[in-house]
Structure formats: structure tokens, C-alpha cells
Amino acid sequence: MAATYTGGIGIHLLSTTTLTKVTASEKLEVKTYMNSTGGFGGMATYDPTGELSVEGYGDSNPVTIASTTTGPTGLTSGKIIVDSVEQSYKNDDFSSFKYTAKIFPNATT
């Protein structure tokens, strides 16, 4: 979505919401192996994954559970699956939302 700045504090990435916190992490599985003499032979990485957490204010959550979404720059390839959605309404504050997602950068389906 196009960035929309409406003034004030926050990360303005979605037209009807203000994001207050975006956290992303990536990780790899690492396997080391020995050479024929028992010393260090090498290592390989596999199965890259990550997690994404987004918090903000708005009348409705911009995503739904089990949907696919886009992530921050550098984490947009593959699939990002939303696995948790939370909406909060308070009498003395703006409506807020939070969602988390799993990132699978090598996934194609």
C-alpha cells in the first residue's frame, strides 16, 4: 500500500492505521560437519525462517488470521503467514491492534 502521512507520531504505512511498532527477526538452521581427521570440515545453513510482529492504532486490523501479507524490506520474498490477530477496544484510548506472522522466505506455495 502507498504510504500516507497524516501528521503526528507513528509509522504511517497503511492508509487507515498508524503503526507504532514493527519487529522482524530472521533465523537459520546451521549444521557443522567434521573432516576425515575429526577436525572442522565445514558448515551448511538451511531452512531460513523468521517472525514478524506489528502493533498499531486503527478502527480495524489490516490483516486477517491465516492470510498472507507483506513484510518490511528484505523480508518480502516467499510467504508471510499471519498466525495471530488481536483487536483491542478501550473506553479511554483509541482502538488498537496487534498481529504476528511467520516468515518463510523460500516458500513458493
N, C-alpha and C. Protein backbone atom coordinates (compact mmCIF):
# COMPACT_ATOMS: atom_id res chain seq x y z
N MET A 1 0.84 -1.18 0.00
CA MET A 1 0.00 0.00 0.00
C MET A 1 0.88 1.24 0.00
N ALA A 2 0.36 2.29 -0.53
CA ALA A 2 1.10 3.54 -0.56
C ALA A 2 1.16 4.15 0.83
N ALA A 3 2.27 4.81 1.11
CA ALA A 3 2.43 5.48 2.39
C ALA A 3 1.53 6.71 2.44
N THR A 4 0.87 6.92 3.55
CA THR A 4 0.01 8.08 3.73
C THR A 4 0.40 8.76 5.04
N TYR A 5 0.86 10.01 4.96
CA TYR A 5 1.24 10.72 6.16
C TYR A 5 0.11 11.64 6.57
N THR A 6 -0.38 11.47 7.79
CA THR A 6 -1.47 12.31 8.27
C THR A 6 -1.04 13.17 9.45
N GLY A 7 0.25 13.22 9.71
CA GLY A 7 0.75 14.01 10.82
C GLY A 7 0.76 13.22 12.10
N GLY A 8 1.47 13.70 13.10
CA GLY A 8 1.51 13.03 14.38
C GLY A 8 2.61 11.99 14.48
N ILE A 9 2.62 11.31 15.61
CA ILE A 9 3.65 10.33 15.91
C ILE A 9 3.23 8.97 15.38
N GLY A 10 4.16 8.18 14.93
CA GLY A 10 3.86 6.83 14.49
C GLY A 10 4.41 6.54 13.12
N ILE A 11 4.34 5.27 12.73
CA ILE A 11 4.78 4.81 11.43
C ILE A 11 3.55 4.75 10.54
N HIS A 12 3.47 5.60 9.55
CA HIS A 12 2.27 5.69 8.71
C HIS A 12 2.50 4.91 7.42
N LEU A 13 2.13 3.63 7.42
CA LEU A 13 2.30 2.79 6.25
C LEU A 13 0.99 2.35 5.64
N LEU A 14 -0.05 2.33 6.41
CA LEU A 14 -1.36 1.90 5.93
C LEU A 14 -2.31 3.09 6.01
N SER A 15 -3.19 3.23 5.06
CA SER A 15 -3.98 4.46 4.94
C SER A 15 -4.95 4.68 6.10
N THR A 16 -5.42 3.63 6.75
CA THR A 16 -6.41 3.81 7.82
C THR A 16 -5.87 3.48 9.20
N THR A 17 -4.57 3.25 9.32
CA THR A 17 -4.00 2.88 10.61
C THR A 17 -2.69 3.62 10.84
N THR A 18 -2.26 3.66 12.09
CA THR A 18 -0.96 4.17 12.46
C THR A 18 -0.20 3.05 13.15
N LEU A 19 0.92 2.64 12.59
CA LEU A 19 1.72 1.59 13.20
C LEU A 19 2.63 2.21 14.25
N THR A 20 2.66 1.60 15.42
CA THR A 20 3.51 2.10 16.49
C THR A 20 4.74 1.25 16.71
N LYS A 21 4.70 -0.01 16.26
CA LYS A 21 5.85 -0.90 16.47
C LYS A 21 5.84 -2.00 15.42
N VAL A 22 6.98 -2.19 14.78
CA VAL A 22 7.17 -3.29 13.83
C VAL A 22 8.46 -3.99 14.22
N THR A 23 8.38 -5.29 14.50
CA THR A 23 9.55 -6.07 14.88
C THR A 23 9.65 -7.27 13.94
N ALA A 24 10.83 -7.45 13.35
CA ALA A 24 11.05 -8.58 12.46
C ALA A 24 12.35 -9.28 12.85
N SER A 25 12.35 -10.60 12.74
CA SER A 25 13.56 -11.37 13.02
C SER A 25 13.70 -12.47 11.99
N GLU A 26 14.93 -12.86 11.74
CA GLU A 26 15.22 -13.96 10.81
C GLU A 26 16.16 -14.94 11.50
N LYS A 27 16.06 -16.22 11.13
CA LYS A 27 16.98 -17.20 11.70
C LYS A 27 17.25 -18.30 10.68
N LEU A 28 18.35 -18.99 10.88
CA LEU A 28 18.77 -20.10 10.03
C LEU A 28 19.12 -21.30 10.89
N GLU A 29 18.92 -22.47 10.37
CA GLU A 29 19.45 -23.68 10.99
C GLU A 29 20.88 -23.84 10.47
N VAL A 30 21.81 -24.20 11.36
CA VAL A 30 23.21 -24.35 10.98
C VAL A 30 23.67 -25.76 11.33
N LYS A 31 24.34 -26.40 10.40
CA LYS A 31 24.89 -27.74 10.62
C LYS A 31 26.38 -27.70 10.32
N THR A 32 27.20 -28.09 11.31
CA THR A 32 28.64 -28.21 11.09
C THR A 32 28.99 -29.67 10.92
N TYR A 33 30.03 -29.94 10.16
CA TYR A 33 30.44 -31.33 9.96
C TYR A 33 31.95 -31.43 10.02
N MET A 34 32.43 -32.62 10.39
CA MET A 34 33.86 -32.87 10.56
C MET A 34 34.48 -33.37 9.26
N ASN A 35 35.81 -33.14 9.14
CA ASN A 35 36.53 -33.72 8.01
C ASN A 35 37.00 -35.12 8.38
N SER A 36 37.78 -35.75 7.53
CA SER A 36 38.17 -37.15 7.75
C SER A 36 39.11 -37.34 8.93
N THR A 37 39.75 -36.26 9.42
CA THR A 37 40.64 -36.37 10.57
C THR A 37 39.97 -35.94 11.87
N GLY A 38 38.70 -35.64 11.83
CA GLY A 38 37.98 -35.26 13.04
C GLY A 38 37.96 -33.76 13.30
N GLY A 39 38.60 -32.99 12.44
CA GLY A 39 38.60 -31.53 12.59
C GLY A 39 37.40 -30.90 11.90
N PHE A 40 37.39 -29.59 11.92
CA PHE A 40 36.30 -28.85 11.29
C PHE A 40 36.33 -29.06 9.78
N GLY A 41 35.26 -29.57 9.24
CA GLY A 41 35.18 -29.83 7.81
C GLY A 41 34.40 -28.78 7.06
N GLY A 42 33.48 -28.16 7.71
CA GLY A 42 32.67 -27.14 7.06
C GLY A 42 31.34 -26.97 7.76
N MET A 43 30.50 -26.16 7.16
CA MET A 43 29.18 -25.94 7.72
C MET A 43 28.21 -25.61 6.60
N ALA A 44 26.96 -25.81 6.88
CA ALA A 44 25.90 -25.51 5.92
C ALA A 44 24.73 -24.87 6.66
N THR A 45 24.08 -23.95 6.00
CA THR A 45 22.87 -23.34 6.57
C THR A 45 21.67 -23.79 5.74
N TYR A 46 20.54 -23.90 6.40
CA TYR A 46 19.33 -24.33 5.72
C TYR A 46 18.11 -23.86 6.49
N ASP A 47 16.96 -24.00 5.89
CA ASP A 47 15.67 -23.70 6.50
C ASP A 47 15.58 -22.30 7.10
N PRO A 48 15.75 -21.24 6.28
CA PRO A 48 15.59 -19.89 6.83
C PRO A 48 14.12 -19.62 7.16
N THR A 49 13.88 -19.04 8.31
CA THR A 49 12.54 -18.65 8.73
C THR A 49 12.64 -17.31 9.46
N GLY A 50 11.51 -16.76 9.82
CA GLY A 50 11.50 -15.51 10.56
C GLY A 50 10.17 -15.27 11.21
N GLU A 51 10.11 -14.20 11.97
CA GLU A 51 8.87 -13.81 12.65
C GLU A 51 8.67 -12.32 12.48
N LEU A 52 7.42 -11.92 12.41
CA LEU A 52 7.05 -10.52 12.23
C LEU A 52 5.97 -10.18 13.24
N SER A 53 6.12 -9.04 13.90
CA SER A 53 5.12 -8.57 14.85
C SER A 53 4.82 -7.10 14.53
N VAL A 54 3.54 -6.77 14.44
CA VAL A 54 3.12 -5.41 14.10
C VAL A 54 2.08 -4.95 15.11
N GLU A 55 2.25 -3.75 15.63
CA GLU A 55 1.28 -3.16 16.56
C GLU A 55 0.91 -1.78 16.06
N GLY A 56 -0.33 -1.37 16.31
CA GLY A 56 -0.73 -0.04 15.89
C GLY A 56 -2.11 0.33 16.37
N TYR A 57 -2.56 1.49 15.88
CA TYR A 57 -3.87 2.03 16.22
C TYR A 57 -4.71 2.15 14.96
N GLY A 58 -5.99 1.85 15.07
CA GLY A 58 -6.90 1.96 13.95
C GLY A 58 -8.21 1.29 14.29
N ASP A 59 -9.24 1.59 13.51
CA ASP A 59 -10.57 1.04 13.77
C ASP A 59 -10.67 -0.44 13.49
N SER A 60 -9.83 -0.96 12.62
CA SER A 60 -9.87 -2.39 12.32
C SER A 60 -8.46 -2.88 12.03
N ASN A 61 -8.27 -4.17 12.25
CA ASN A 61 -6.98 -4.78 11.97
C ASN A 61 -6.79 -4.88 10.47
N PRO A 62 -5.63 -4.49 9.93
CA PRO A 62 -5.44 -4.50 8.48
C PRO A 62 -5.27 -5.90 7.87
N VAL A 63 -5.16 -6.94 8.68
CA VAL A 63 -5.00 -8.31 8.17
C VAL A 63 -5.98 -9.24 8.87
N THR A 64 -6.13 -10.44 8.35
CA THR A 64 -6.96 -11.46 8.99
C THR A 64 -6.12 -12.70 9.25
N ILE A 65 -6.56 -13.52 10.17
CA ILE A 65 -5.83 -14.73 10.54
C ILE A 65 -5.69 -15.65 9.33
N ALA A 66 -4.55 -16.29 9.22
CA ALA A 66 -4.21 -17.24 8.15
C ALA A 66 -4.08 -16.58 6.78
N SER A 67 -4.06 -15.26 6.73
CA SER A 67 -3.88 -14.59 5.45
C SER A 67 -2.39 -14.42 5.17
N THR A 68 -2.06 -14.08 3.95
CA THR A 68 -0.67 -13.76 3.63
C THR A 68 -0.57 -12.24 3.57
N THR A 69 0.57 -11.72 3.94
CA THR A 69 0.76 -10.28 3.99
C THR A 69 2.17 -9.95 3.53
N THR A 70 2.45 -8.68 3.39
CA THR A 70 3.80 -8.25 3.03
C THR A 70 4.52 -7.81 4.28
N GLY A 71 5.83 -7.88 4.25
CA GLY A 71 6.64 -7.52 5.40
C GLY A 71 7.56 -6.37 5.09
N PRO A 72 8.45 -6.08 6.01
CA PRO A 72 9.39 -5.00 5.79
C PRO A 72 10.37 -5.33 4.67
N THR A 73 11.07 -4.33 4.17
CA THR A 73 12.06 -4.51 3.11
C THR A 73 13.08 -5.56 3.53
N GLY A 74 13.38 -6.48 2.63
CA GLY A 74 14.32 -7.55 2.91
C GLY A 74 13.66 -8.83 3.38
N LEU A 75 12.38 -8.77 3.75
CA LEU A 75 11.67 -9.95 4.23
C LEU A 75 10.41 -10.22 3.41
N THR A 76 10.37 -9.70 2.20
CA THR A 76 9.14 -9.78 1.43
C THR A 76 9.09 -10.95 0.46
N SER A 77 10.18 -11.69 0.29
CA SER A 77 10.13 -12.83 -0.62
C SER A 77 9.49 -14.02 0.08
N GLY A 78 9.04 -15.00 -0.70
CA GLY A 78 8.43 -16.19 -0.12
C GLY A 78 7.04 -15.91 0.40
N LYS A 79 6.70 -16.51 1.55
CA LYS A 79 5.37 -16.37 2.13
C LYS A 79 5.47 -15.85 3.56
N ILE A 80 4.54 -14.98 3.90
CA ILE A 80 4.40 -14.48 5.27
C ILE A 80 2.98 -14.81 5.68
N ILE A 81 2.83 -15.73 6.66
CA ILE A 81 1.52 -16.22 7.07
C ILE A 81 1.16 -15.64 8.44
N VAL A 82 0.03 -14.96 8.52
CA VAL A 82 -0.45 -14.37 9.77
C VAL A 82 -0.98 -15.49 10.66
N ASP A 83 -0.43 -15.61 11.88
CA ASP A 83 -0.87 -16.69 12.77
C ASP A 83 -1.54 -16.20 14.05
N SER A 84 -1.56 -14.89 14.29
CA SER A 84 -2.22 -14.37 15.48
C SER A 84 -2.70 -12.94 15.20
N VAL A 85 -3.96 -12.67 15.54
CA VAL A 85 -4.56 -11.35 15.33
C VAL A 85 -5.26 -10.95 16.62
N GLU A 86 -5.03 -9.71 17.05
CA GLU A 86 -5.66 -9.22 18.27
C GLU A 86 -6.20 -7.81 18.03
N GLN A 87 -7.43 -7.55 18.43
CA GLN A 87 -8.04 -6.23 18.32
C GLN A 87 -8.44 -5.80 19.71
N SER A 88 -8.17 -4.55 20.07
CA SER A 88 -8.46 -4.07 21.42
C SER A 88 -9.24 -2.77 21.36
N TYR A 89 -10.32 -2.71 22.14
CA TYR A 89 -11.13 -1.51 22.24
C TYR A 89 -11.12 -1.05 23.70
N LYS A 90 -10.85 0.24 23.91
CA LYS A 90 -10.83 0.79 25.27
C LYS A 90 -11.70 2.03 25.32
N ASN A 91 -12.25 2.29 26.49
CA ASN A 91 -13.10 3.45 26.68
C ASN A 91 -12.30 4.75 26.69
N ASP A 92 -11.06 4.71 27.14
CA ASP A 92 -10.29 5.94 27.30
C ASP A 92 -9.09 6.04 26.34
N ASP A 93 -9.07 5.24 25.26
CA ASP A 93 -7.97 5.28 24.32
C ASP A 93 -8.47 4.87 22.94
N PHE A 94 -7.65 5.07 21.94
CA PHE A 94 -8.01 4.68 20.58
C PHE A 94 -8.03 3.16 20.45
N SER A 95 -8.76 2.66 19.48
CA SER A 95 -8.77 1.23 19.19
C SER A 95 -7.37 0.83 18.71
N SER A 96 -6.93 -0.36 19.13
CA SER A 96 -5.59 -0.79 18.74
C SER A 96 -5.64 -2.23 18.23
N PHE A 97 -4.58 -2.63 17.56
CA PHE A 97 -4.48 -3.98 17.03
C PHE A 97 -3.04 -4.47 17.14
N LYS A 98 -2.91 -5.78 17.02
CA LYS A 98 -1.60 -6.42 17.02
C LYS A 98 -1.74 -7.69 16.20
N TYR A 99 -0.74 -7.97 15.37
CA TYR A 99 -0.72 -9.27 14.70
C TYR A 99 0.71 -9.77 14.59
N THR A 100 0.83 -11.09 14.56
CA THR A 100 2.13 -11.72 14.39
C THR A 100 2.04 -12.65 13.18
N ALA A 101 3.20 -12.91 12.59
CA ALA A 101 3.24 -13.74 11.40
C ALA A 101 4.55 -14.51 11.36
N LYS A 102 4.53 -15.64 10.67
CA LYS A 102 5.72 -16.44 10.41
C LYS A 102 6.18 -16.14 8.99
N ILE A 103 7.49 -16.04 8.81
CA ILE A 103 8.06 -15.71 7.51
C ILE A 103 8.78 -16.96 6.98
N PHE A 104 8.45 -17.34 5.76
CA PHE A 104 9.09 -18.47 5.08
C PHE A 104 9.65 -17.95 3.75
N PRO A 105 10.89 -17.43 3.74
CA PRO A 105 11.40 -16.77 2.54
C PRO A 105 11.59 -17.67 1.33
N ASN A 106 11.74 -18.96 1.50
CA ASN A 106 11.94 -19.85 0.36
C ASN A 106 10.66 -20.53 -0.10
N ALA A 107 9.55 -20.26 0.55
CA ALA A 107 8.29 -20.92 0.18
C ALA A 107 7.77 -20.36 -1.15
N THR A 108 7.19 -21.24 -1.94
CA THR A 108 6.62 -20.80 -3.22
C THR A 108 5.12 -21.06 -3.30
N THR A 109 4.57 -21.92 -2.44
CA THR A 109 3.13 -22.19 -2.48
C THR A 109 2.52 -22.04 -1.11
